[in-house]
Amino acid sequence: MKLILRLISSCFSAFSSNPDIHLAEFSTCGNRALERKIPVTTTDRADSGFLRARQILTFTPGMSGDAIWWQAGRVQAVGRAAEVARRVPSGVPRYELPDALVTPGVVDGHTHFAMWALNRRCVQLAGSATCDEAVRRVAGARPAQGWIVGQGWDANGWDRAPDRGVLDAVQRVPVYLDSLDVHAAWVNSAALAAAGITRETPDPFGGRIVRDASGEPTGLLLERAVELMLPHLPDPPPALLDEALREGQAEAHRLGVTGIHDMEGDAVLAALERLEAVDALRLRVQFHPPVTSLPALVRRGVRSGV
């Protein structure tokens, strides 16, 4: 089982010092040759094998070498190829990758994985040197579910602050753009209307609706004011969410990430469970649902313990 639920968030991850570790916890640092020859991050499909590489690194003092042998999805030995090879039973597949570096897989201790995976599909504004450049990117975007959603803008260094007027000029549908640090949102008039944000809307606790000299919202929402928009953004259909997670998982593996601690909501948990049900969840996921989900999880029969 690759999906674990935890209600208390922890941002620390450690690689076991026990040599009887899962092969899925090893990474090939994005080595494309290895990805083609052996699905190292999918232990169910690469049940047993012997791999010789340039170097095998572990977090266990004294455990390193240029070869690794695994059996039934668990590492049996790491060391010098000649010594390890003598212990490997006949019939075990053997792989030669003399240029590869194999390391313990990276476990990201704090992610919002589905948010990131979905954001990879939206309008990318990172690197926009000016407000005009960001607007041009938005102008060329096509709505999905009736909205334009983007992320990554950074107004530091721009010659003017983001405002709804420049977005209104290029898009009539609602536009919602997350900032690079995810502490601000830039929206157009249609998005403000969809959320019911007007000059009479008070600033929420811990947030600010930026206003012009006449008191009208400019389209810039700061901190907790961003949350006024979130209930009005379209939820991705399950099929789209599943596809985004699969693509994100492949990218994580390419970068050497084999496990995550994920903090998200019920829809994401359901999507991860769907992937696990069809044996498509290849990341090890420690999932942290919101505390508000606890009653529903209890009704489903989820209990404390492993």
Protein backbone atom coordinates (compact mmCIF):
# COMPACT_ATOMS: atom_id res chain seq x y z
CA MET A 1 0.00 0.00 0.00
CA LYS A 2 1.54 3.28 -1.10
CA LEU A 3 -1.04 5.66 0.44
CA ILE A 4 -0.81 6.50 4.15
CA LEU A 5 -3.12 8.95 5.95
CA ARG A 6 -1.85 11.22 8.70
CA LEU A 7 -3.86 13.99 10.36
CA ILE A 8 -0.84 15.66 11.96
CA SER A 9 1.55 17.22 9.47
CA SER A 10 5.22 16.31 9.61
CA CYS A 11 7.85 17.86 7.39
CA PHE A 12 10.65 15.40 8.20
CA SER A 13 11.43 12.41 6.04
CA ALA A 14 14.28 9.96 6.53
CA PHE A 15 15.67 7.07 4.51
CA SER A 16 15.73 3.84 6.47
CA SER A 17 19.12 2.56 7.59
CA ASN A 18 17.76 -0.99 7.30
CA PRO A 19 19.15 -2.70 4.19
CA ASP A 20 15.76 -4.42 3.79
CA ILE A 21 14.34 -1.34 2.11
CA HIS A 22 11.94 -0.98 -0.77
CA LEU A 23 13.52 -0.53 -4.16
CA ALA A 24 11.00 2.22 -4.87
CA GLU A 25 12.97 4.37 -2.46
CA PHE A 26 15.92 4.43 -4.84
CA SER A 27 16.22 7.02 -7.59
CA THR A 28 18.28 7.17 -10.74
CA CYS A 29 18.48 10.97 -10.72
CA GLY A 30 16.49 11.33 -13.93
CA ASN A 31 18.68 8.91 -15.88
CA ARG A 32 16.69 8.46 -19.08
CA ALA A 33 18.64 5.38 -20.16
CA LEU A 34 17.64 3.65 -16.95
CA GLU A 35 14.04 4.78 -17.31
CA ARG A 36 13.93 3.04 -20.68
CA LYS A 37 15.57 -0.18 -19.49
CA ILE A 38 14.06 -0.79 -16.07
CA PRO A 39 11.13 0.73 -14.17
CA VAL A 40 13.13 1.28 -10.99
CA THR A 41 10.38 3.34 -9.36
CA THR A 42 7.76 0.65 -9.96
CA THR A 43 8.82 -2.27 -7.82
CA ASP A 44 5.74 -4.32 -8.62
CA ARG A 45 6.88 -4.48 -12.24
CA ALA A 46 10.62 -4.84 -11.52
CA ASP A 47 10.26 -7.52 -8.90
CA SER A 48 13.88 -8.68 -8.88
CA GLY A 49 17.10 -7.62 -10.51
CA PHE A 50 20.81 -6.94 -10.36
CA LEU A 51 22.02 -3.52 -11.47
CA ARG A 52 25.60 -2.40 -11.98
CA ALA A 53 26.06 1.38 -12.11
CA ARG A 54 28.87 3.87 -11.79
CA GLN A 55 28.00 4.33 -8.12
CA ILE A 56 25.27 3.26 -5.71
CA LEU A 57 24.82 5.61 -2.75
CA THR A 58 22.81 4.98 0.41
CA PHE A 59 22.35 6.85 3.68
CA THR A 60 23.79 3.91 5.62
CA PRO A 61 27.45 4.35 6.63
CA GLY A 62 29.60 1.82 4.85
CA MET A 63 26.87 0.73 2.46
CA SER A 64 27.86 1.81 -1.04
CA GLY A 65 29.37 0.34 -4.16
CA ASP A 66 28.68 -0.05 -7.83
CA ALA A 67 25.98 -2.74 -7.72
CA ILE A 68 22.59 -3.37 -6.14
CA TRP A 69 20.56 -6.58 -5.96
CA TRP A 70 16.89 -6.65 -5.11
CA GLN A 71 14.51 -9.58 -4.72
CA ALA A 72 10.71 -9.49 -4.40
CA GLY A 73 10.83 -5.71 -4.44
CA ARG A 74 13.31 -5.37 -1.57
CA VAL A 75 16.99 -4.54 -1.61
CA GLN A 76 19.14 -7.51 -0.61
CA ALA A 77 22.64 -6.14 -1.10
CA VAL A 78 24.62 -3.08 -2.13
CA GLY A 79 28.36 -3.33 -2.72
CA ARG A 80 31.06 -4.19 -5.20
CA ALA A 81 29.65 -5.77 -8.33
CA ALA A 82 31.86 -8.86 -8.22
CA GLU A 83 30.88 -9.62 -4.63
CA VAL A 84 27.17 -8.91 -5.00
CA ALA A 85 26.89 -10.82 -8.29
CA ARG A 86 28.02 -14.05 -6.62
CA ARG A 87 24.97 -13.93 -4.34
CA VAL A 88 22.40 -13.29 -7.05
CA PRO A 89 20.32 -16.36 -8.03
CA SER A 90 20.34 -17.49 -11.63
CA GLY A 91 17.49 -16.15 -13.69
CA VAL A 92 17.46 -12.73 -12.02
CA PRO A 93 17.51 -10.00 -14.71
CA ARG A 94 20.78 -8.09 -14.92
CA TYR A 95 21.23 -4.49 -16.02
CA GLU A 96 24.43 -2.70 -16.97
CA LEU A 97 24.43 1.10 -16.69
CA PRO A 98 28.07 2.07 -16.14
CA ASP A 99 27.40 5.83 -16.25
CA ALA A 100 24.44 5.90 -13.84
CA LEU A 101 24.41 7.27 -10.30
CA VAL A 102 21.79 5.55 -8.13
CA THR A 103 20.77 7.24 -4.88
CA PRO A 104 18.02 6.92 -2.29
CA GLY A 105 14.92 8.56 -3.70
CA VAL A 106 14.05 12.07 -2.55
CA VAL A 107 11.04 12.35 -0.24
CA ASP A 108 9.49 15.82 -0.38
CA GLY A 109 8.27 16.50 3.16
CA HIS A 110 5.71 19.21 2.34
CA THR A 111 3.78 19.34 -0.93
CA HIS A 112 0.46 20.37 -2.39
CA PHE A 113 1.04 17.90 -5.16
CA ALA A 114 -2.26 18.09 -7.02
CA MET A 115 -2.18 21.89 -6.94
CA TRP A 116 1.27 21.79 -8.50
CA ALA A 117 0.27 19.13 -11.02
CA LEU A 118 -2.78 21.12 -12.12
CA ASN A 119 -0.82 24.39 -12.21
CA ARG A 120 1.54 22.83 -14.73
CA ARG A 121 -1.45 22.85 -17.12
CA CYS A 122 -2.48 26.47 -16.60
CA VAL A 123 -1.09 29.75 -17.97
CA GLN A 124 2.55 30.01 -16.92
CA LEU A 125 3.48 33.56 -15.90
CA ALA A 126 6.82 32.92 -14.19
CA GLY A 127 9.55 34.94 -15.84
CA SER A 128 7.24 37.66 -17.14
CA ALA A 129 9.56 40.67 -16.97
CA THR A 130 6.73 43.20 -17.28
CA CYS A 131 3.03 43.46 -16.64
CA ASP A 132 2.48 43.72 -20.40
CA GLU A 133 4.30 40.43 -20.99
CA ALA A 134 2.11 38.66 -18.44
CA VAL A 135 -1.02 40.13 -20.04
CA ARG A 136 0.10 38.91 -23.47
CA ARG A 137 0.37 35.38 -22.11
CA VAL A 138 -3.12 35.63 -20.66
CA ALA A 139 -4.46 37.02 -23.92
CA GLY A 140 -3.29 33.93 -25.77
CA ALA A 141 -4.89 31.48 -23.34
CA ARG A 142 -8.07 29.53 -23.96
CA PRO A 143 -10.64 29.14 -21.18
CA ALA A 144 -11.00 25.81 -19.40
CA GLN A 145 -14.36 25.25 -17.70
CA GLY A 146 -15.19 28.88 -18.42
CA TRP A 147 -12.16 30.37 -16.64
CA ILE A 148 -8.61 31.42 -17.41
CA VAL A 149 -6.35 30.25 -14.58
CA GLY A 150 -2.66 31.08 -14.35
CA GLN A 151 0.16 31.16 -11.87
CA GLY A 152 3.67 32.42 -11.26
CA TRP A 153 3.56 36.20 -11.78
CA ASP A 154 5.96 38.34 -9.77
CA ALA A 155 5.37 42.10 -9.87
CA ASN A 156 8.69 42.96 -8.23
CA GLY A 157 10.48 45.02 -10.85
CA TRP A 158 7.36 45.75 -12.90
CA ASP A 159 6.73 49.39 -13.74
CA ARG A 160 3.14 49.16 -12.54
CA ALA A 161 1.02 47.10 -10.20
CA PRO A 162 -1.32 44.42 -11.56
CA ASP A 163 -4.90 45.60 -12.02
CA ARG A 164 -8.15 44.24 -13.43
CA GLY A 165 -8.34 46.75 -16.27
CA VAL A 166 -5.50 45.29 -18.32
CA LEU A 167 -7.00 41.81 -17.94
CA ASP A 168 -10.47 43.06 -18.87
CA ALA A 169 -8.99 44.34 -22.13
CA VAL A 170 -7.89 40.86 -23.26
CA GLN A 171 -10.35 38.41 -21.68
CA ARG A 172 -14.08 38.59 -21.01
CA VAL A 173 -14.26 35.33 -19.07
CA PRO A 174 -13.19 35.27 -15.41
CA VAL A 175 -9.41 35.36 -14.96
CA TYR A 176 -7.65 34.16 -11.81
CA LEU A 177 -3.85 34.40 -11.58
CA ASP A 178 -1.89 33.14 -8.57
CA SER A 179 1.30 34.96 -7.67
CA LEU A 180 4.65 33.21 -7.59
CA ASP A 181 4.58 33.00 -3.79
CA VAL A 182 0.86 32.05 -3.70
CA HIS A 183 0.18 34.91 -1.29
CA ALA A 184 -1.65 37.12 -3.79
CA ALA A 185 -4.08 36.78 -6.67
CA TRP A 186 -4.65 39.01 -9.68
CA VAL A 187 -8.15 38.85 -11.12
CA ASN A 188 -10.30 40.65 -13.65
CA SER A 189 -13.74 42.23 -13.28
CA ALA A 190 -15.56 39.06 -14.34
CA ALA A 191 -13.81 37.10 -11.60
CA LEU A 192 -14.62 39.75 -8.99
CA ALA A 193 -18.26 39.61 -10.07
CA ALA A 194 -18.30 35.80 -9.91
CA ALA A 195 -17.07 35.98 -6.31
CA GLY A 196 -19.40 38.85 -5.40
CA ILE A 197 -16.51 41.13 -4.44
CA THR A 198 -17.50 44.81 -4.63
CA ARG A 199 -16.51 48.08 -3.01
CA GLU A 200 -18.78 47.13 -0.10
CA THR A 201 -16.96 43.85 0.57
CA PRO A 202 -14.93 44.21 3.77
CA ASP A 203 -11.35 43.06 3.97
CA PRO A 204 -11.25 39.60 5.56
CA PHE A 205 -9.22 39.05 8.70
CA GLY A 206 -5.61 38.60 7.66
CA GLY A 207 -6.19 39.80 4.11
CA ARG A 208 -6.66 42.86 1.97
CA ILE A 209 -8.68 43.74 -1.10
CA VAL A 210 -6.54 46.38 -2.79
CA ARG A 211 -8.69 49.36 -3.80
CA ASP A 212 -8.24 52.43 -5.97
CA ALA A 213 -8.72 56.02 -4.83
CA SER A 214 -12.49 55.75 -5.28
CA GLY A 215 -12.73 52.57 -3.20
CA GLU A 216 -13.23 50.12 -6.09
CA PRO A 217 -11.33 46.81 -6.01
CA THR A 218 -8.34 46.97 -8.34
CA GLY A 219 -8.25 43.22 -8.96
CA LEU A 220 -5.35 42.55 -6.59
CA LEU A 221 -6.13 40.35 -3.59
CA LEU A 222 -3.59 39.85 -0.80
CA GLU A 223 -3.16 37.01 1.69
CA ARG A 224 -6.50 35.79 3.15
CA ALA A 225 -8.44 37.88 0.64
CA VAL A 226 -7.41 35.28 -1.96
CA GLU A 227 -9.68 32.82 -0.16
CA LEU A 228 -12.70 34.87 -1.22
CA MET A 229 -12.08 33.62 -4.76
CA LEU A 230 -11.29 29.98 -4.13
CA PRO A 231 -14.86 28.62 -3.69
CA HIS A 232 -15.76 30.05 -7.10
CA LEU A 233 -12.96 28.47 -9.11
CA PRO A 234 -14.11 25.43 -11.10
CA ASP A 235 -13.16 22.07 -9.63
CA PRO A 236 -11.30 19.88 -12.11
CA PRO A 237 -13.29 16.87 -13.32
CA PRO A 238 -12.05 13.61 -11.80
CA ALA A 239 -10.59 12.42 -15.11
CA LEU A 240 -8.61 15.66 -15.50
CA LEU A 241 -7.33 15.48 -11.92
CA ASP A 242 -6.26 11.86 -12.39
CA GLU A 243 -4.43 12.70 -15.61
CA ALA A 244 -2.66 15.66 -14.00
CA LEU A 245 -1.54 13.48 -11.10
CA ARG A 246 -0.16 10.84 -13.46
CA GLU A 247 1.79 13.49 -15.36
CA GLY A 248 3.02 15.05 -12.13
CA GLN A 249 4.08 11.66 -10.84
CA ALA A 250 6.13 11.04 -13.99
CA GLU A 251 7.82 14.42 -13.60
CA ALA A 252 8.54 13.72 -9.93
CA HIS A 253 10.18 10.43 -10.85
CA ARG A 254 12.22 12.13 -13.56
CA LEU A 255 13.63 14.44 -10.90
CA GLY A 256 14.38 11.61 -8.48
CA VAL A 257 11.39 12.15 -6.16
CA THR A 258 9.91 8.82 -5.08
CA GLY A 259 7.80 9.88 -2.09
CA ILE A 260 5.79 12.88 -0.92
CA HIS A 261 3.99 14.20 2.14
CA ASP A 262 0.89 15.83 0.68
CA MET A 263 -1.48 18.31 2.34
CA GLU A 264 -4.72 18.65 0.35
CA GLY A 265 -8.45 18.05 0.40
CA ASP A 266 -10.91 15.22 -0.06
CA ALA A 267 -11.02 15.36 -3.87
CA VAL A 268 -7.27 14.80 -4.08
CA LEU A 269 -7.43 11.91 -1.62
CA ALA A 270 -10.15 10.31 -3.74
CA ALA A 271 -8.01 10.75 -6.86
CA LEU A 272 -4.98 9.13 -5.21
CA GLU A 273 -7.18 6.25 -4.10
CA ARG A 274 -8.43 5.83 -7.67
CA LEU A 275 -4.84 5.61 -8.92
CA GLU A 276 -3.95 3.12 -6.21
CA ALA A 277 -7.00 0.99 -7.06
CA VAL A 278 -5.71 0.47 -10.61
CA ASP A 279 -2.08 0.00 -9.50
CA ALA A 280 -1.05 3.34 -11.03
CA LEU A 281 0.14 5.10 -7.87
CA ARG A 282 3.93 4.88 -8.06
CA LEU A 283 4.79 7.56 -5.52
CA ARG A 284 4.79 6.73 -1.84
CA VAL A 285 2.28 9.20 -0.43
CA GLN A 286 1.84 10.21 3.18
CA PHE A 287 -1.40 12.16 2.91
CA HIS A 288 -2.49 14.79 5.42
CA PRO A 289 -6.22 15.47 5.02
CA PRO A 290 -7.72 18.54 6.68
CA VAL A 291 -9.01 17.99 10.20
CA THR A 292 -12.48 18.89 8.94
CA SER A 293 -12.40 15.64 6.94
CA LEU A 294 -12.02 13.52 10.08
CA PRO A 295 -15.75 12.76 10.63
CA ALA A 296 -16.15 11.54 7.05
CA LEU A 297 -12.99 9.42 7.29
CA VAL A 298 -14.25 7.83 10.52
CA ARG A 299 -17.56 7.03 8.82
CA ARG A 300 -15.59 5.30 6.08
CA GLY A 301 -13.93 3.09 8.65
CA VAL A 302 -10.52 4.77 8.69
CA ARG A 303 -8.87 4.16 12.06
CA SER A 304 -5.62 5.11 13.77
CA GLY A 305 -2.62 2.85 13.33
CA VAL A 306 -0.86 1.19 10.43
